Amino acid sequence: MRYETFDFNKHEVSKVAELTYDVDFRTFDMLYNSKESAVKQIAKDLPKRDLGDYFKVILDDNDEIIGMLMIYTSKVSHKFYLKPIRLMIVDILDHFVLADIEEEDLYLAEIAIDSKLRGQGIGRKVVCDVINYARSKNYKRVTIDADFRNHGAKRLYEKIGFKEFNKKRVKIGKFERGMFNMELKLD
């Protein structure tokens, strides 16, 4: 298993779009009529984004994409570009529930493993690799979010050593989204 910076000219955009959908499928399902239409819009949008070095695909030994991850620091600036309104809504909802990034944090913003490969320890290995990377770069803390409804992810992060430091939620009508903001202090 290895990590490469996502390149829409080299990597299968539709596969990366599907993994991106998996990270936040409840919100995408609320905004789009189907998984297919959400994935299609995400795939169309990916080449427009300034993904930088923080958006990685996870490849197996045969160069097949088996997952993706996004990591940020406080120094990553996001470039504004015009995007479809539904994708802007996803960003706005994220703003209200995701962990705040402090000066010496490495934030694991997104992680998705191919659904056919879940339960094999790949997600755990990826999170541990990110922690080791953060240590090697002298970050003081790794932060990650676990959706209120994703008890499996929260348990995994807790087993690795993460602790809940905050809870955030947003509710609009019947739609509710919430996250456990979790941290692993590295000092």
C-alpha atoms as a PDB file:
ATOM      1  CA  MET A   1       0.000   0.000   0.000  1.00  0.00           C
ATOM      2  CA  ARG A   2       1.272   3.470  -0.853  1.00  0.00           C
ATOM      3  CA  TYR A   3       0.073   7.066  -1.034  1.00  0.00           C
ATOM      4  CA  GLU A   4       0.178   9.385  -4.034  1.00  0.00           C
ATOM      5  CA  THR A   5      -1.002  12.931  -4.458  1.00  0.00           C
ATOM      6  CA  PHE A   6      -4.258  12.784  -6.415  1.00  0.00           C
ATOM      7  CA  ASP A   7      -3.799  13.730 -10.071  1.00  0.00           C
ATOM      8  CA  PHE A   8      -6.998  13.864 -12.134  1.00  0.00           C
ATOM      9  CA  ASN A   9      -4.939  13.261 -15.287  1.00  0.00           C
ATOM     10  CA  LYS A  10      -3.487  10.042 -13.878  1.00  0.00           C
ATOM     11  CA  HIS A  11      -5.957   8.586 -11.363  1.00  0.00           C
ATOM     12  CA  GLU A  12      -9.489   7.334 -11.925  1.00  0.00           C
ATOM     13  CA  VAL A  13     -11.593  10.410 -11.111  1.00  0.00           C
ATOM     14  CA  SER A  14     -14.875   8.476 -10.865  1.00  0.00           C
ATOM     15  CA  LYS A  15     -13.380   6.149  -8.220  1.00  0.00           C
ATOM     16  CA  VAL A  16     -12.084   9.109  -6.197  1.00  0.00           C
ATOM     17  CA  ALA A  17     -15.478  10.819  -6.547  1.00  0.00           C
ATOM     18  CA  GLU A  18     -17.204   7.701  -5.217  1.00  0.00           C
ATOM     19  CA  LEU A  19     -14.854   7.582  -2.221  1.00  0.00           C
ATOM     20  CA  THR A  20     -15.472  11.297  -1.606  1.00  0.00           C
ATOM     21  CA  TYR A  21     -19.209  10.595  -1.671  1.00  0.00           C
ATOM     22  CA  ASP A  22     -18.748   7.770   0.868  1.00  0.00           C
ATOM     23  CA  VAL A  23     -17.190  10.175   3.389  1.00  0.00           C
ATOM     24  CA  ASP A  24     -20.330  12.302   3.530  1.00  0.00           C
ATOM     25  CA  PHE A  25     -23.030  10.199   1.857  1.00  0.00           C
ATOM     26  CA  ARG A  26     -25.856  11.371   4.160  1.00  0.00           C
ATOM     27  CA  THR A  27     -25.368  15.010   3.174  1.00  0.00           C
ATOM     28  CA  PHE A  28     -24.942  14.166  -0.502  1.00  0.00           C
ATOM     29  CA  ASP A  29     -28.082  12.007  -0.374  1.00  0.00           C
ATOM     30  CA  MET A  30     -30.013  14.944   1.076  1.00  0.00           C
ATOM     31  CA  LEU A  31     -28.826  17.267  -1.697  1.00  0.00           C
ATOM     32  CA  TYR A  32     -28.900  14.958  -4.716  1.00  0.00           C
ATOM     33  CA  ASN A  33     -31.537  12.586  -6.033  1.00  0.00           C
ATOM     34  CA  SER A  34     -29.189   9.621  -6.148  1.00  0.00           C
ATOM     35  CA  LYS A  35     -25.691   8.421  -5.392  1.00  0.00           C
ATOM     36  CA  GLU A  36     -25.010   8.359  -9.129  1.00  0.00           C
ATOM     37  CA  SER A  37     -25.894  12.040  -9.630  1.00  0.00           C
ATOM     38  CA  ALA A  38     -23.842  13.069  -6.575  1.00  0.00           C
ATOM     39  CA  VAL A  39     -20.798  11.078  -7.729  1.00  0.00           C
ATOM     40  CA  LYS A  40     -21.146  12.494 -11.237  1.00  0.00           C
ATOM     41  CA  GLN A  41     -21.152  16.074  -9.872  1.00  0.00           C
ATOM     42  CA  ILE A  42     -18.213  15.402  -7.539  1.00  0.00           C
ATOM     43  CA  ALA A  43     -16.230  13.888 -10.442  1.00  0.00           C
ATOM     44  CA  LYS A  44     -17.001  16.915 -12.584  1.00  0.00           C
ATOM     45  CA  ASP A  45     -15.853  19.236  -9.794  1.00  0.00           C
ATOM     46  CA  LEU A  46     -12.618  17.460  -8.735  1.00  0.00           C
ATOM     47  CA  PRO A  47     -10.460  18.741 -11.638  1.00  0.00           C
ATOM     48  CA  LYS A  48     -11.500  22.341 -10.796  1.00  0.00           C
ATOM     49  CA  ARG A  49     -10.328  22.137  -7.194  1.00  0.00           C
ATOM     50  CA  ASP A  50      -6.871  23.193  -6.132  1.00  0.00           C
ATOM     51  CA  LEU A  51      -6.192  19.937  -4.320  1.00  0.00           C
ATOM     52  CA  GLY A  52      -2.540  20.536  -3.672  1.00  0.00           C
ATOM     53  CA  ASP A  53      -0.416  17.959  -1.929  1.00  0.00           C
ATOM     54  CA  TYR A  54      -2.962  17.317   0.813  1.00  0.00           C
ATOM     55  CA  PHE A  55      -5.358  15.123  -1.200  1.00  0.00           C
ATOM     56  CA  LYS A  56      -3.990  11.584  -1.465  1.00  0.00           C
ATOM     57  CA  VAL A  57      -5.124   8.388  -3.114  1.00  0.00           C
ATOM     58  CA  ILE A  58      -4.218   5.096  -1.496  1.00  0.00           C
ATOM     59  CA  LEU A  59      -2.982   2.510  -3.957  1.00  0.00           C
ATOM     60  CA  ASP A  60      -2.531  -1.234  -3.615  1.00  0.00           C
ATOM     61  CA  ASP A  61       0.417  -3.179  -5.076  1.00  0.00           C
ATOM     62  CA  ASN A  62      -1.328  -3.258  -8.483  1.00  0.00           C
ATOM     63  CA  ASP A  63      -1.741   0.555  -8.570  1.00  0.00           C
ATOM     64  CA  GLU A  64      -5.495   0.219  -7.995  1.00  0.00           C
ATOM     65  CA  ILE A  65      -7.129   2.922  -5.875  1.00  0.00           C
ATOM     66  CA  ILE A  66      -8.288   1.392  -2.598  1.00  0.00           C
ATOM     67  CA  GLY A  67      -8.928   4.603  -0.686  1.00  0.00           C
ATOM     68  CA  MET A  68      -8.367   8.310  -0.305  1.00  0.00           C
ATOM     69  CA  LEU A  69      -7.469  10.769   2.394  1.00  0.00           C
ATOM     70  CA  MET A  70      -7.232  14.492   2.851  1.00  0.00           C
ATOM     71  CA  ILE A  71      -4.957  16.112   5.417  1.00  0.00           C
ATOM     72  CA  TYR A  72      -4.714  19.790   6.276  1.00  0.00           C
ATOM     73  CA  THR A  73      -2.690  22.086   8.454  1.00  0.00           C
ATOM     74  CA  SER A  74      -3.500  25.634   9.519  1.00  0.00           C
ATOM     75  CA  LYS A  75      -1.201  26.811   6.718  1.00  0.00           C
ATOM     76  CA  VAL A  76      -3.305  25.344   3.889  1.00  0.00           C
ATOM     77  CA  SER A  77      -5.236  28.108   2.202  1.00  0.00           C
ATOM     78  CA  HIS A  78      -8.275  27.150   0.218  1.00  0.00           C
ATOM     79  CA  LYS A  79      -8.690  28.878  -3.077  1.00  0.00           C
ATOM     80  CA  PHE A  80     -12.175  30.095  -3.856  1.00  0.00           C
ATOM     81  CA  TYR A  81     -13.767  29.047  -7.121  1.00  0.00           C
ATOM     82  CA  LEU A  82     -17.305  28.991  -8.358  1.00  0.00           C
ATOM     83  CA  LYS A  83     -18.903  25.626  -7.742  1.00  0.00           C
ATOM     84  CA  PRO A  84     -22.404  24.212  -7.987  1.00  0.00           C
ATOM     85  CA  ILE A  85     -24.690  25.388  -5.173  1.00  0.00           C
ATOM     86  CA  ARG A  86     -25.176  21.908  -3.710  1.00  0.00           C
ATOM     87  CA  LEU A  87     -21.428  21.426  -3.319  1.00  0.00           C
ATOM     88  CA  MET A  88     -21.230  24.876  -1.714  1.00  0.00           C
ATOM     89  CA  ILE A  89     -23.893  23.751   0.775  1.00  0.00           C
ATOM     90  CA  VAL A  90     -21.721  20.748   1.704  1.00  0.00           C
ATOM     91  CA  ASP A  91     -18.819  23.142   2.387  1.00  0.00           C
ATOM     92  CA  ILE A  92     -21.043  25.419   4.475  1.00  0.00           C
ATOM     93  CA  LEU A  93     -22.353  22.507   6.558  1.00  0.00           C
ATOM     94  CA  ASP A  94     -18.760  21.304   7.043  1.00  0.00           C
ATOM     95  CA  HIS A  95     -17.838  24.728   8.395  1.00  0.00           C
ATOM     96  CA  PHE A  96     -20.270  24.304  11.292  1.00  0.00           C
ATOM     97  CA  VAL A  97     -19.298  20.783  12.391  1.00  0.00           C
ATOM     98  CA  LEU A  98     -15.660  20.036  11.578  1.00  0.00           C
ATOM     99  CA  ALA A  99     -12.786  20.494  14.026  1.00  0.00           C
ATOM    100  CA  ASP A 100     -10.975  23.804  14.091  1.00  0.00           C
ATOM    101  CA  ILE A 101      -7.335  23.516  13.030  1.00  0.00           C
ATOM    102  CA  GLU A 102      -4.806  25.080  15.383  1.00  0.00           C
ATOM    103  CA  GLU A 103      -1.274  26.200  14.547  1.00  0.00           C
ATOM    104  CA  GLU A 104       0.561  22.912  15.210  1.00  0.00           C
ATOM    105  CA  ASP A 105      -2.199  20.491  14.168  1.00  0.00           C
ATOM    106  CA  LEU A 106      -2.346  17.959  11.401  1.00  0.00           C
ATOM    107  CA  TYR A 107      -6.012  17.487  10.577  1.00  0.00           C
ATOM    108  CA  LEU A 108      -7.153  14.237   8.957  1.00  0.00           C
ATOM    109  CA  ALA A 109     -10.126  15.775   7.172  1.00  0.00           C
ATOM    110  CA  GLU A 110     -11.306  12.807   5.137  1.00  0.00           C
ATOM    111  CA  ILE A 111     -10.563   9.145   4.935  1.00  0.00           C
ATOM    112  CA  ALA A 112     -12.398   6.567   2.851  1.00  0.00           C
ATOM    113  CA  ILE A 113     -11.556   2.960   2.104  1.00  0.00           C
ATOM    114  CA  ASP A 114     -13.153   1.052  -0.769  1.00  0.00           C
ATOM    115  CA  SER A 115     -16.326  -0.570   0.611  1.00  0.00           C
ATOM    116  CA  LYS A 116     -15.191  -4.016  -0.584  1.00  0.00           C
ATOM    117  CA  LEU A 117     -12.038  -3.749   1.553  1.00  0.00           C
ATOM    118  CA  ARG A 118     -13.451  -2.380   4.805  1.00  0.00           C
ATOM    119  CA  GLY A 119     -12.926  -4.372   7.974  1.00  0.00           C
ATOM    120  CA  GLN A 120      -9.438  -5.525   6.946  1.00  0.00           C
ATOM    121  CA  GLY A 121      -7.483  -3.011   9.011  1.00  0.00           C
ATOM    122  CA  ILE A 122      -6.647  -0.695   6.115  1.00  0.00           C
ATOM    123  CA  GLY A 123      -8.338   2.334   7.702  1.00  0.00           C
ATOM    124  CA  ARG A 124      -6.502   1.716  10.968  1.00  0.00           C
ATOM    125  CA  LYS A 125      -3.179   1.477   9.111  1.00  0.00           C
ATOM    126  CA  VAL A 126      -3.874   4.728   7.233  1.00  0.00           C
ATOM    127  CA  VAL A 127      -4.705   6.602  10.449  1.00  0.00           C
ATOM    128  CA  CYS A 128      -1.555   5.205  12.105  1.00  0.00           C
ATOM    129  CA  ASP A 129       0.523   6.214   9.060  1.00  0.00           C
ATOM    130  CA  VAL A 130      -0.860   9.761   9.333  1.00  0.00           C
ATOM    131  CA  ILE A 131       0.019   9.832  13.045  1.00  0.00           C
ATOM    132  CA  ASN A 132       3.576   8.654  12.294  1.00  0.00           C
ATOM    133  CA  TYR A 133       3.893  11.281   9.562  1.00  0.00           C
ATOM    134  CA  ALA A 134       2.673  13.965  11.990  1.00  0.00           C
ATOM    135  CA  ARG A 135       5.236  12.873  14.576  1.00  0.00           C
ATOM    136  CA  SER A 136       8.034  12.962  11.984  1.00  0.00           C
ATOM    137  CA  LYS A 137       7.081  16.556  11.102  1.00  0.00           C
ATOM    138  CA  ASN A 138       6.839  17.601  14.774  1.00  0.00           C
ATOM    139  CA  TYR A 139       3.122  18.352  14.838  1.00  0.00           C
ATOM    140  CA  LYS A 140       1.727  18.564  18.369  1.00  0.00           C
ATOM    141  CA  ARG A 141      -1.705  17.103  17.673  1.00  0.00           C
ATOM    142  CA  VAL A 142      -3.623  15.090  15.091  1.00  0.00           C
ATOM    143  CA  THR A 143      -7.325  15.876  14.838  1.00  0.00           C
ATOM    144  CA  ILE A 144     -10.096  13.948  13.145  1.00  0.00           C
ATOM    145  CA  ASP A 145     -13.901  13.982  13.096  1.00  0.00           C
ATOM    146  CA  ALA A 146     -16.345  11.130  13.617  1.00  0.00           C
ATOM    147  CA  ASP A 147     -19.944  11.554  12.516  1.00  0.00           C
ATOM    148  CA  PHE A 148     -22.429  11.151  15.388  1.00  0.00           C
ATOM    149  CA  ARG A 149     -23.930   8.173  13.533  1.00  0.00           C
ATOM    150  CA  ASN A 150     -20.645   6.445  12.715  1.00  0.00           C
ATOM    151  CA  HIS A 151     -20.001   4.594  15.964  1.00  0.00           C
ATOM    152  CA  GLY A 152     -17.520   2.221  14.291  1.00  0.00           C
ATOM    153  CA  ALA A 153     -15.226   5.062  13.220  1.00  0.00           C
ATOM    154  CA  LYS A 154     -15.395   6.672  16.658  1.00  0.00           C
ATOM    155  CA  ARG A 155     -14.510   3.351  18.343  1.00  0.00           C
ATOM    156  CA  LEU A 156     -11.601   2.837  15.944  1.00  0.00           C
ATOM    157  CA  TYR A 157     -10.211   6.308  16.628  1.00  0.00           C
ATOM    158  CA  GLU A 158     -10.592   5.790  20.388  1.00  0.00           C
ATOM    159  CA  LYS A 159      -8.745   2.442  20.195  1.00  0.00           C
ATOM    160  CA  ILE A 160      -5.896   4.211  18.407  1.00  0.00           C
ATOM    161  CA  GLY A 161      -5.784   6.788  21.213  1.00  0.00           C
ATOM    162  CA  PHE A 162      -7.933   9.710  20.063  1.00  0.00           C
ATOM    163  CA  LYS A 163     -10.065  11.497  22.646  1.00  0.00           C
ATOM    164  CA  GLU A 164     -13.179  13.554  22.064  1.00  0.00           C
ATOM    165  CA  PHE A 165     -12.500  17.240  22.753  1.00  0.00           C
ATOM    166  CA  ASN A 166     -15.612  18.835  21.264  1.00  0.00           C
ATOM    167  CA  LYS A 167     -18.985  18.106  19.664  1.00  0.00           C
ATOM    168  CA  LYS A 168     -20.500  20.226  16.939  1.00  0.00           C
ATOM    169  CA  ARG A 169     -23.820  19.945  15.190  1.00  0.00           C
ATOM    170  CA  VAL A 170     -26.006  21.818  12.758  1.00  0.00           C
ATOM    171  CA  LYS A 171     -29.730  21.254  12.291  1.00  0.00           C
ATOM    172  CA  ILE A 172     -31.809  22.577   9.424  1.00  0.00           C
ATOM    173  CA  GLY A 173     -35.398  21.358   9.438  1.00  0.00           C
ATOM    174  CA  LYS A 174     -35.314  17.571   9.661  1.00  0.00           C
ATOM    175  CA  PHE A 175     -31.694  17.427   8.536  1.00  0.00           C
ATOM    176  CA  GLU A 176     -29.112  17.158  11.285  1.00  0.00           C
ATOM    177  CA  ARG A 177     -25.385  16.711  11.010  1.00  0.00           C
ATOM    178  CA  GLY A 178     -23.019  16.350  13.908  1.00  0.00           C
ATOM    179  CA  MET A 179     -19.421  15.438  14.574  1.00  0.00           C
ATOM    180  CA  PHE A 180     -17.313  14.348  17.473  1.00  0.00           C
ATOM    181  CA  ASN A 181     -14.140  16.402  17.109  1.00  0.00           C
ATOM    182  CA  MET A 182     -11.316  14.125  18.293  1.00  0.00           C
ATOM    183  CA  GLU A 183      -7.644  14.665  19.029  1.00  0.00           C
ATOM    184  CA  LEU A 184      -4.487  12.720  19.644  1.00  0.00           C
ATOM    185  CA  LYS A 185      -1.841  14.769  21.401  1.00  0.00           C
ATOM    186  CA  LEU A 186       1.655  13.865  20.249  1.00  0.00           C
ATOM    187  CA  ASP A 187       3.867  15.503  22.884  1.00  0.00           C
END
